[in-house]
Amino acid sequence: NPPRQVASAVVRTTPRPAPFAIRDLARYDKLATLAFNQRRKTLHNALKGEVGDAGFAAAGIGPRARGQTLSPEQFARLANVPV
């Protein structure tokens, strides 16, 4: 039998700190899912019952925006607004 030709490597990963804080990951996931379930809806309509006008104002996000226009950090700000 010929010798096996095996290439191997070791990969070391170092976790980086998050660029923004998410207080409630489940809420973040829920808001992002709701915003993207119906992409053509404005955030005001897509997140009805989850985020009110005061929540949008506190997060600094216009309620007429659409989910695909928000950054992950903006979703985090929305998720961090008290309900």
PDB file of N, CA and C in Angstrom:
ATOM      1  N   ASN A   1       0.832  -1.189   0.000  1.00  0.00           N
ATOM      2  CA  ASN A   1       0.000   0.000   0.000  1.00  0.00           C
ATOM      3  C   ASN A   1       0.875   1.250   0.000  1.00  0.00           C
ATOM      4  N   PRO A   2       0.516   2.244  -0.834  1.00  0.00           N
ATOM      5  CA  PRO A   2       1.292   3.486  -0.829  1.00  0.00           C
ATOM      6  C   PRO A   2       0.964   4.312   0.417  1.00  0.00           C
ATOM      7  N   PRO A   3       1.893   5.133   0.877  1.00  0.00           N
ATOM      8  CA  PRO A   3       1.603   5.978   2.049  1.00  0.00           C
ATOM      9  C   PRO A   3       0.520   7.002   1.715  1.00  0.00           C
ATOM     10  N   ARG A   4      -0.287   7.283   2.708  1.00  0.00           N
ATOM     11  CA  ARG A   4      -1.372   8.249   2.521  1.00  0.00           C
ATOM     12  C   ARG A   4      -0.811   9.665   2.457  1.00  0.00           C
ATOM     13  N   GLN A   5      -1.426  10.452   1.626  1.00  0.00           N
ATOM     14  CA  GLN A   5      -1.040  11.858   1.540  1.00  0.00           C
ATOM     15  C   GLN A   5      -2.114  12.677   2.258  1.00  0.00           C
ATOM     16  N   VAL A   6      -1.791  13.046   3.463  1.00  0.00           N
ATOM     17  CA  VAL A   6      -2.749  13.760   4.299  1.00  0.00           C
ATOM     18  C   VAL A   6      -2.200  15.145   4.622  1.00  0.00           C
ATOM     19  N   ALA A   7      -3.009  16.137   4.376  1.00  0.00           N
ATOM     20  CA  ALA A   7      -2.642  17.506   4.766  1.00  0.00           C
ATOM     21  C   ALA A   7      -3.512  17.881   5.956  1.00  0.00           C
ATOM     22  N   SER A   8      -2.918  18.446   6.958  1.00  0.00           N
ATOM     23  CA  SER A   8      -3.700  18.850   8.119  1.00  0.00           C
ATOM     24  C   SER A   8      -3.270  20.239   8.549  1.00  0.00           C
ATOM     25  N   ALA A   9      -4.152  20.889   9.290  1.00  0.00           N
ATOM     26  CA  ALA A   9      -3.876  22.239   9.780  1.00  0.00           C
ATOM     27  C   ALA A   9      -4.617  22.446  11.085  1.00  0.00           C
ATOM     28  N   VAL A  10      -4.139  23.381  11.859  1.00  0.00           N
ATOM     29  CA  VAL A  10      -4.801  23.772  13.100  1.00  0.00           C
ATOM     30  C   VAL A  10      -5.289  25.202  12.911  1.00  0.00           C
ATOM     31  N   VAL A  11      -6.554  25.411  13.220  1.00  0.00           N
ATOM     32  CA  VAL A  11      -7.129  26.750  13.108  1.00  0.00           C
ATOM     33  C   VAL A  11      -7.459  27.230  14.516  1.00  0.00           C
ATOM     34  N   ARG A  12      -6.988  28.387  14.847  1.00  0.00           N
ATOM     35  CA  ARG A  12      -7.263  28.957  16.160  1.00  0.00           C
ATOM     36  C   ARG A  12      -8.135  30.191  15.950  1.00  0.00           C
ATOM     37  N   THR A  13      -9.242  30.259  16.663  1.00  0.00           N
ATOM     38  CA  THR A  13     -10.128  31.418  16.566  1.00  0.00           C
ATOM     39  C   THR A  13     -10.118  32.175  17.879  1.00  0.00           C
ATOM     40  N   THR A  14     -10.229  33.458  17.774  1.00  0.00           N
ATOM     41  CA  THR A  14     -10.294  34.311  18.951  1.00  0.00           C
ATOM     42  C   THR A  14     -11.582  35.116  18.867  1.00  0.00           C
ATOM     43  N   PRO A  15     -12.494  34.937  19.820  1.00  0.00           N
ATOM     44  CA  PRO A  15     -13.747  35.691  19.775  1.00  0.00           C
ATOM     45  C   PRO A  15     -13.487  37.193  19.921  1.00  0.00           C
ATOM     46  N   ARG A  16     -14.229  37.959  19.150  1.00  0.00           N
ATOM     47  CA  ARG A  16     -14.137  39.407  19.246  1.00  0.00           C
ATOM     48  C   ARG A  16     -15.344  39.924  20.023  1.00  0.00           C
ATOM     49  N   PRO A  17     -15.191  41.033  20.710  1.00  0.00           N
ATOM     50  CA  PRO A  17     -16.353  41.598  21.396  1.00  0.00           C
ATOM     51  C   PRO A  17     -17.374  42.081  20.370  1.00  0.00           C
ATOM     52  N   ALA A  18     -18.624  41.999  20.738  1.00  0.00           N
ATOM     53  CA  ALA A  18     -19.693  42.446  19.848  1.00  0.00           C
ATOM     54  C   ALA A  18     -19.579  43.952  19.635  1.00  0.00           C
ATOM     55  N   PRO A  19     -19.827  44.421  18.412  1.00  0.00           N
ATOM     56  CA  PRO A  19     -19.719  45.854  18.159  1.00  0.00           C
ATOM     57  C   PRO A  19     -20.871  46.654  18.778  1.00  0.00           C
ATOM     58  N   PHE A  20     -21.913  45.953  19.213  1.00  0.00           N
ATOM     59  CA  PHE A  20     -23.038  46.612  19.871  1.00  0.00           C
ATOM     60  C   PHE A  20     -23.666  45.614  20.824  1.00  0.00           C
ATOM     61  N   ALA A  21     -24.380  46.123  21.819  1.00  0.00           N
ATOM     62  CA  ALA A  21     -24.959  45.263  22.854  1.00  0.00           C
ATOM     63  C   ALA A  21     -26.410  44.929  22.535  1.00  0.00           C
ATOM     64  N   ILE A  22     -26.759  43.678  22.719  1.00  0.00           N
ATOM     65  CA  ILE A  22     -28.148  43.223  22.589  1.00  0.00           C
ATOM     66  C   ILE A  22     -28.550  42.700  23.961  1.00  0.00           C
ATOM     67  N   ARG A  23     -29.499  43.374  24.595  1.00  0.00           N
ATOM     68  CA  ARG A  23     -29.913  42.965  25.937  1.00  0.00           C
ATOM     69  C   ARG A  23     -30.754  41.692  25.925  1.00  0.00           C
ATOM     70  N   ASP A  24     -31.598  41.547  24.913  1.00  0.00           N
ATOM     71  CA  ASP A  24     -32.516  40.407  24.841  1.00  0.00           C
ATOM     72  C   ASP A  24     -32.435  39.806  23.435  1.00  0.00           C
ATOM     73  N   LEU A  25     -31.620  38.772  23.296  1.00  0.00           N
ATOM     74  CA  LEU A  25     -31.391  38.166  21.982  1.00  0.00           C
ATOM     75  C   LEU A  25     -32.677  37.596  21.385  1.00  0.00           C
ATOM     76  N   ALA A  26     -33.556  37.057  22.216  1.00  0.00           N
ATOM     77  CA  ALA A  26     -34.817  36.499  21.708  1.00  0.00           C
ATOM     78  C   ALA A  26     -35.678  37.608  21.096  1.00  0.00           C
ATOM     79  N   ARG A  27     -35.716  38.769  21.739  1.00  0.00           N
ATOM     80  CA  ARG A  27     -36.488  39.901  21.188  1.00  0.00           C
ATOM     81  C   ARG A  27     -35.853  40.396  19.891  1.00  0.00           C
ATOM     82  N   TYR A  28     -34.543  40.480  19.855  1.00  0.00           N
ATOM     83  CA  TYR A  28     -33.815  40.890  18.641  1.00  0.00           C
ATOM     84  C   TYR A  28     -34.185  39.961  17.485  1.00  0.00           C
ATOM     85  N   ASP A  29     -34.110  38.659  17.721  1.00  0.00           N
ATOM     86  CA  ASP A  29     -34.459  37.674  16.691  1.00  0.00           C
ATOM     87  C   ASP A  29     -35.907  37.818  16.248  1.00  0.00           C
ATOM     88  N   LYS A  30     -36.798  38.038  17.204  1.00  0.00           N
ATOM     89  CA  LYS A  30     -38.220  38.165  16.879  1.00  0.00           C
ATOM     90  C   LYS A  30     -38.471  39.385  16.000  1.00  0.00           C
ATOM     91  N   LEU A  31     -37.891  40.528  16.376  1.00  0.00           N
ATOM     92  CA  LEU A  31     -38.098  41.747  15.597  1.00  0.00           C
ATOM     93  C   LEU A  31     -37.519  41.609  14.185  1.00  0.00           C
ATOM     94  N   ALA A  32     -36.332  41.039  14.086  1.00  0.00           N
ATOM     95  CA  ALA A  32     -35.711  40.858  12.768  1.00  0.00           C
ATOM     96  C   ALA A  32     -36.545  39.905  11.911  1.00  0.00           C
ATOM     97  N   THR A  33     -37.053  38.839  12.517  1.00  0.00           N
ATOM     98  CA  THR A  33     -37.881  37.878  11.778  1.00  0.00           C
ATOM     99  C   THR A  33     -39.169  38.534  11.302  1.00  0.00           C
ATOM    100  N   LEU A  34     -39.829  39.271  12.189  1.00  0.00           N
ATOM    101  CA  LEU A  34     -41.067  39.952  11.806  1.00  0.00           C
ATOM    102  C   LEU A  34     -40.815  40.977  10.697  1.00  0.00           C
ATOM    103  N   ALA A  35     -39.719  41.697  10.790  1.00  0.00           N
ATOM    104  CA  ALA A  35     -39.412  42.727   9.800  1.00  0.00           C
ATOM    105  C   ALA A  35     -39.141  42.125   8.426  1.00  0.00           C
ATOM    106  N   PHE A  36     -38.565  40.925   8.393  1.00  0.00           N
ATOM    107  CA  PHE A  36     -38.207  40.309   7.116  1.00  0.00           C
ATOM    108  C   PHE A  36     -39.254  39.328   6.604  1.00  0.00           C
ATOM    109  N   ASN A  37     -40.233  38.961   7.418  1.00  0.00           N
ATOM    110  CA  ASN A  37     -41.284  38.064   6.948  1.00  0.00           C
ATOM    111  C   ASN A  37     -42.088  38.698   5.824  1.00  0.00           C
ATOM    112  N   GLN A  38     -42.342  39.978   5.937  1.00  0.00           N
ATOM    113  CA  GLN A  38     -43.102  40.704   4.917  1.00  0.00           C
ATOM    114  C   GLN A  38     -42.290  41.936   4.544  1.00  0.00           C
ATOM    115  N   ARG A  39     -41.320  41.752   3.679  1.00  0.00           N
ATOM    116  CA  ARG A  39     -40.323  42.769   3.367  1.00  0.00           C
ATOM    117  C   ARG A  39     -40.902  44.071   2.829  1.00  0.00           C
ATOM    118  N   ARG A  40     -42.003  44.022   2.147  1.00  0.00           N
ATOM    119  CA  ARG A  40     -42.558  45.228   1.543  1.00  0.00           C
ATOM    120  C   ARG A  40     -43.292  46.109   2.552  1.00  0.00           C
ATOM    121  N   LYS A  41     -43.557  45.591   3.727  1.00  0.00           N
ATOM    122  CA  LYS A  41     -44.245  46.384   4.748  1.00  0.00           C
ATOM    123  C   LYS A  41     -43.267  47.333   5.434  1.00  0.00           C
ATOM    124  N   THR A  42     -43.807  48.461   5.862  1.00  0.00           N
ATOM    125  CA  THR A  42     -42.986  49.361   6.670  1.00  0.00           C
ATOM    126  C   THR A  42     -42.796  48.723   8.044  1.00  0.00           C
ATOM    127  N   LEU A  43     -41.784  49.184   8.755  1.00  0.00           N
ATOM    128  CA  LEU A  43     -41.550  48.633  10.097  1.00  0.00           C
ATOM    129  C   LEU A  43     -42.736  48.885  11.011  1.00  0.00           C
ATOM    130  N   HIS A  44     -43.391  50.030  10.834  1.00  0.00           N
ATOM    131  CA  HIS A  44     -44.560  50.341  11.660  1.00  0.00           C
ATOM    132  C   HIS A  44     -45.616  49.251  11.538  1.00  0.00           C
ATOM    133  N   ASN A  45     -45.869  48.793  10.313  1.00  0.00           N
ATOM    134  CA  ASN A  45     -46.871  47.749  10.097  1.00  0.00           C
ATOM    135  C   ASN A  45     -46.339  46.361  10.434  1.00  0.00           C
ATOM    136  N   ALA A  46     -45.093  46.084  10.092  1.00  0.00           N
ATOM    137  CA  ALA A  46     -44.523  44.754  10.330  1.00  0.00           C
ATOM    138  C   ALA A  46     -44.338  44.470  11.818  1.00  0.00           C
ATOM    139  N   LEU A  47     -44.054  45.519  12.598  1.00  0.00           N
ATOM    140  CA  LEU A  47     -43.768  45.338  14.025  1.00  0.00           C
ATOM    141  C   LEU A  47     -44.914  45.817  14.907  1.00  0.00           C
ATOM    142  N   LYS A  48     -46.091  45.934  14.325  1.00  0.00           N
ATOM    143  CA  LYS A  48     -47.269  46.381  15.068  1.00  0.00           C
ATOM    144  C   LYS A  48     -47.496  45.464  16.275  1.00  0.00           C
ATOM    145  N   GLY A  49     -47.675  46.051  17.415  1.00  0.00           N
ATOM    146  CA  GLY A  49     -47.864  45.274  18.635  1.00  0.00           C
ATOM    147  C   GLY A  49     -46.558  44.949  19.346  1.00  0.00           C
ATOM    148  N   GLU A  50     -45.438  45.157  18.672  1.00  0.00           N
ATOM    149  CA  GLU A  50     -44.122  44.884  19.272  1.00  0.00           C
ATOM    150  C   GLU A  50     -43.380  46.185  19.604  1.00  0.00           C
ATOM    151  N   VAL A  51     -43.468  47.152  18.699  1.00  0.00           N
ATOM    152  CA  VAL A  51     -42.780  48.435  18.881  1.00  0.00           C
ATOM    153  C   VAL A  51     -43.771  49.539  18.539  1.00  0.00           C
ATOM    154  N   GLY A  52     -43.961  50.458  19.461  1.00  0.00           N
ATOM    155  CA  GLY A  52     -44.860  51.586  19.220  1.00  0.00           C
ATOM    156  C   GLY A  52     -44.103  52.797  18.712  1.00  0.00           C
ATOM    157  N   ASP A  53     -44.833  53.877  18.487  1.00  0.00           N
ATOM    158  CA  ASP A  53     -44.216  55.102  17.982  1.00  0.00           C
ATOM    159  C   ASP A  53     -43.129  55.611  18.928  1.00  0.00           C
ATOM    160  N   ALA A  54     -43.361  55.499  20.219  1.00  0.00           N
ATOM    161  CA  ALA A  54     -42.360  55.944  21.190  1.00  0.00           C
ATOM    162  C   ALA A  54     -41.099  55.088  21.103  1.00  0.00           C
ATOM    163  N   GLY A  55     -41.263  53.807  20.827  1.00  0.00           N
ATOM    164  CA  GLY A  55     -40.113  52.916  20.684  1.00  0.00           C
ATOM    165  C   GLY A  55     -39.266  53.265  19.475  1.00  0.00           C
ATOM    166  N   PHE A  56     -39.930  53.575  18.357  1.00  0.00           N
ATOM    167  CA  PHE A  56     -39.191  53.985  17.162  1.00  0.00           C
ATOM    168  C   PHE A  56     -38.436  55.282  17.434  1.00  0.00           C
ATOM    169  N   ALA A  57     -39.104  56.216  18.107  1.00  0.00           N
ATOM    170  CA  ALA A  57     -38.468  57.498  18.418  1.00  0.00           C
ATOM    171  C   ALA A  57     -37.271  57.290  19.344  1.00  0.00           C
ATOM    172  N   ALA A  58     -37.429  56.445  20.364  1.00  0.00           N
ATOM    173  CA  ALA A  58     -36.338  56.188  21.312  1.00  0.00           C
ATOM    174  C   ALA A  58     -35.140  55.535  20.623  1.00  0.00           C
ATOM    175  N   ALA A  59     -35.403  54.710  19.612  1.00  0.00           N
ATOM    176  CA  ALA A  59     -34.321  54.033  18.886  1.00  0.00           C
ATOM    177  C   ALA A  59     -33.747  54.908  17.779  1.00  0.00           C
ATOM    178  N   GLY A  60     -34.425  56.027  17.479  1.00  0.00           N
ATOM    179  CA  GLY A  60     -33.949  56.913  16.428  1.00  0.00           C
ATOM    180  C   GLY A  60     -34.165  56.359  15.035  1.00  0.00           C
ATOM    181  N   ILE A  61     -35.251  55.599  14.866  1.00  0.00           N
ATOM    182  CA  ILE A  61     -35.548  54.951  13.584  1.00  0.00           C
ATOM    183  C   ILE A  61     -36.936  55.377  13.139  1.00  0.00           C
ATOM    184  N   GLY A  62     -37.058  55.767  11.893  1.00  0.00           N
ATOM    185  CA  GLY A  62     -38.351  56.166  11.357  1.00  0.00           C
ATOM    186  C   GLY A  62     -39.251  54.967  11.154  1.00  0.00           C
ATOM    187  N   PRO A  63     -40.513  55.033  11.576  1.00  0.00           N
ATOM    188  CA  PRO A  63     -41.425  53.895  11.452  1.00  0.00           C
ATOM    189  C   PRO A  63     -41.779  53.568  10.001  1.00  0.00           C
ATOM    190  N   ARG A  64     -41.501  54.475   9.065  1.00  0.00           N
ATOM    191  CA  ARG A  64     -41.817  54.223   7.669  1.00  0.00           C
ATOM    192  C   ARG A  64     -40.682  53.493   6.936  1.00  0.00           C
ATOM    193  N   ALA A  65     -39.580  53.236   7.639  1.00  0.00           N
ATOM    194  CA  ALA A  65     -38.466  52.483   7.048  1.00  0.00           C
ATOM    195  C   ALA A  65     -38.885  51.037   6.828  1.00  0.00           C
ATOM    196  N   ARG A  66     -38.165  50.341   6.008  1.00  0.00           N
ATOM    197  CA  ARG A  66     -38.412  48.915   5.763  1.00  0.00           C
ATOM    198  C   ARG A  66     -37.282  48.109   6.401  1.00  0.00           C
ATOM    199  N   GLY A  67     -37.583  46.881   6.748  1.00  0.00           N
ATOM    200  CA  GLY A  67     -36.629  46.036   7.462  1.00  0.00           C
ATOM    201  C   GLY A  67     -35.286  45.912   6.782  1.00  0.00           C
ATOM    202  N   GLN A  68     -35.275  45.802   5.463  1.00  0.00           N
ATOM    203  CA  GLN A  68     -34.016  45.581   4.751  1.00  0.00           C
ATOM    204  C   GLN A  68     -33.119  46.823   4.735  1.00  0.00           C
ATOM    205  N   THR A  69     -33.642  47.970   5.172  1.00  0.00           N
ATOM    206  CA  THR A  69     -32.820  49.181   5.196  1.00  0.00           C
ATOM    207  C   THR A  69     -32.090  49.362   6.527  1.00  0.00           C
ATOM    208  N   LEU A  70     -32.433  48.558   7.529  1.00  0.00           N
ATOM    209  CA  LEU A  70     -31.812  48.703   8.844  1.00  0.00           C
ATOM    210  C   LEU A  70     -30.548  47.867   8.962  1.00  0.00           C
ATOM    211  N   SER A  71     -29.610  48.385   9.716  1.00  0.00           N
ATOM    212  CA  SER A  71     -28.382  47.646  10.019  1.00  0.00           C
ATOM    213  C   SER A  71     -28.642  46.750  11.238  1.00  0.00           C
ATOM    214  N   PRO A  72     -27.779  45.781  11.491  1.00  0.00           N
ATOM    215  CA  PRO A  72     -27.931  44.972  12.706  1.00  0.00           C
ATOM    216  C   PRO A  72     -27.909  45.830  13.974  1.00  0.00           C
ATOM    217  N   GLU A  73     -27.109  46.885  13.970  1.00  0.00           N
ATOM    218  CA  GLU A  73     -27.049  47.759  15.138  1.00  0.00           C
ATOM    219  C   GLU A  73     -28.384  48.481  15.353  1.00  0.00           C
ATOM    220  N   GLN A  74     -29.049  48.882  14.281  1.00  0.00           N
ATOM    221  CA  GLN A  74     -30.346  49.537  14.414  1.00  0.00           C
ATOM    222  C   GLN A  74     -31.400  48.566  14.952  1.00  0.00           C
ATOM    223  N   PHE A  75     -31.353  47.300  14.507  1.00  0.00           N
ATOM    224  CA  PHE A  75     -32.259  46.297  15.069  1.00  0.00           C
ATOM    225  C   PHE A  75     -31.975  46.117  16.565  1.00  0.00           C
ATOM    226  N   ALA A  76     -30.710  46.163  16.951  1.00  0.00           N
ATOM    227  CA  ALA A  76     -30.353  46.046  18.369  1.00  0.00           C
ATOM    228  C   ALA A  76     -30.933  47.206  19.160  1.00  0.00           C
ATOM    229  N   ARG A  77     -30.860  48.422  18.604  1.00  0.00           N
ATOM    230  CA  ARG A  77     -31.447  49.575  19.299  1.00  0.00           C
ATOM    231  C   ARG A  77     -32.947  49.395  19.480  1.00  0.00           C
ATOM    232  N   LEU A  78     -33.629  48.896  18.446  1.00  0.00           N
ATOM    233  CA  LEU A  78     -35.059  48.641  18.568  1.00  0.00           C
ATOM    234  C   LEU A  78     -35.339  47.583  19.626  1.00  0.00           C
ATOM    235  N   ALA A  79     -34.556  46.511  19.620  1.00  0.00           N
ATOM    236  CA  ALA A  79     -34.760  45.417  20.572  1.00  0.00           C
ATOM    237  C   ALA A  79     -34.472  45.870  21.999  1.00  0.00           C
ATOM    238  N   ASN A  80     -33.579  46.834  22.171  1.00  0.00           N
ATOM    239  CA  ASN A  80     -33.208  47.299  23.505  1.00  0.00           C
ATOM    240  C   ASN A  80     -34.183  48.324  24.080  1.00  0.00           C
ATOM    241  N   VAL A  81     -35.122  48.807  23.260  1.00  0.00           N
ATOM    242  CA  VAL A  81     -36.116  49.760  23.758  1.00  0.00           C
ATOM    243  C   VAL A  81     -37.075  49.016  24.689  1.00  0.00           C
ATOM    244  N   PRO A  82     -37.327  49.565  25.894  1.00  0.00           N
ATOM    245  CA  PRO A  82     -38.268  48.891  26.802  1.00  0.00           C
ATOM    246  C   PRO A  82     -39.650  48.759  26.177  1.00  0.00           C
ATOM    247  N   VAL A  83     -40.293  47.641  26.439  1.00  0.00           N
ATOM    248  CA  VAL A  83     -41.629  47.369  25.880  1.00  0.00           C
ATOM    249  C   VAL A  83     -42.673  48.086  26.678  1.00  0.00           C
TER     250      VAL A  83
END
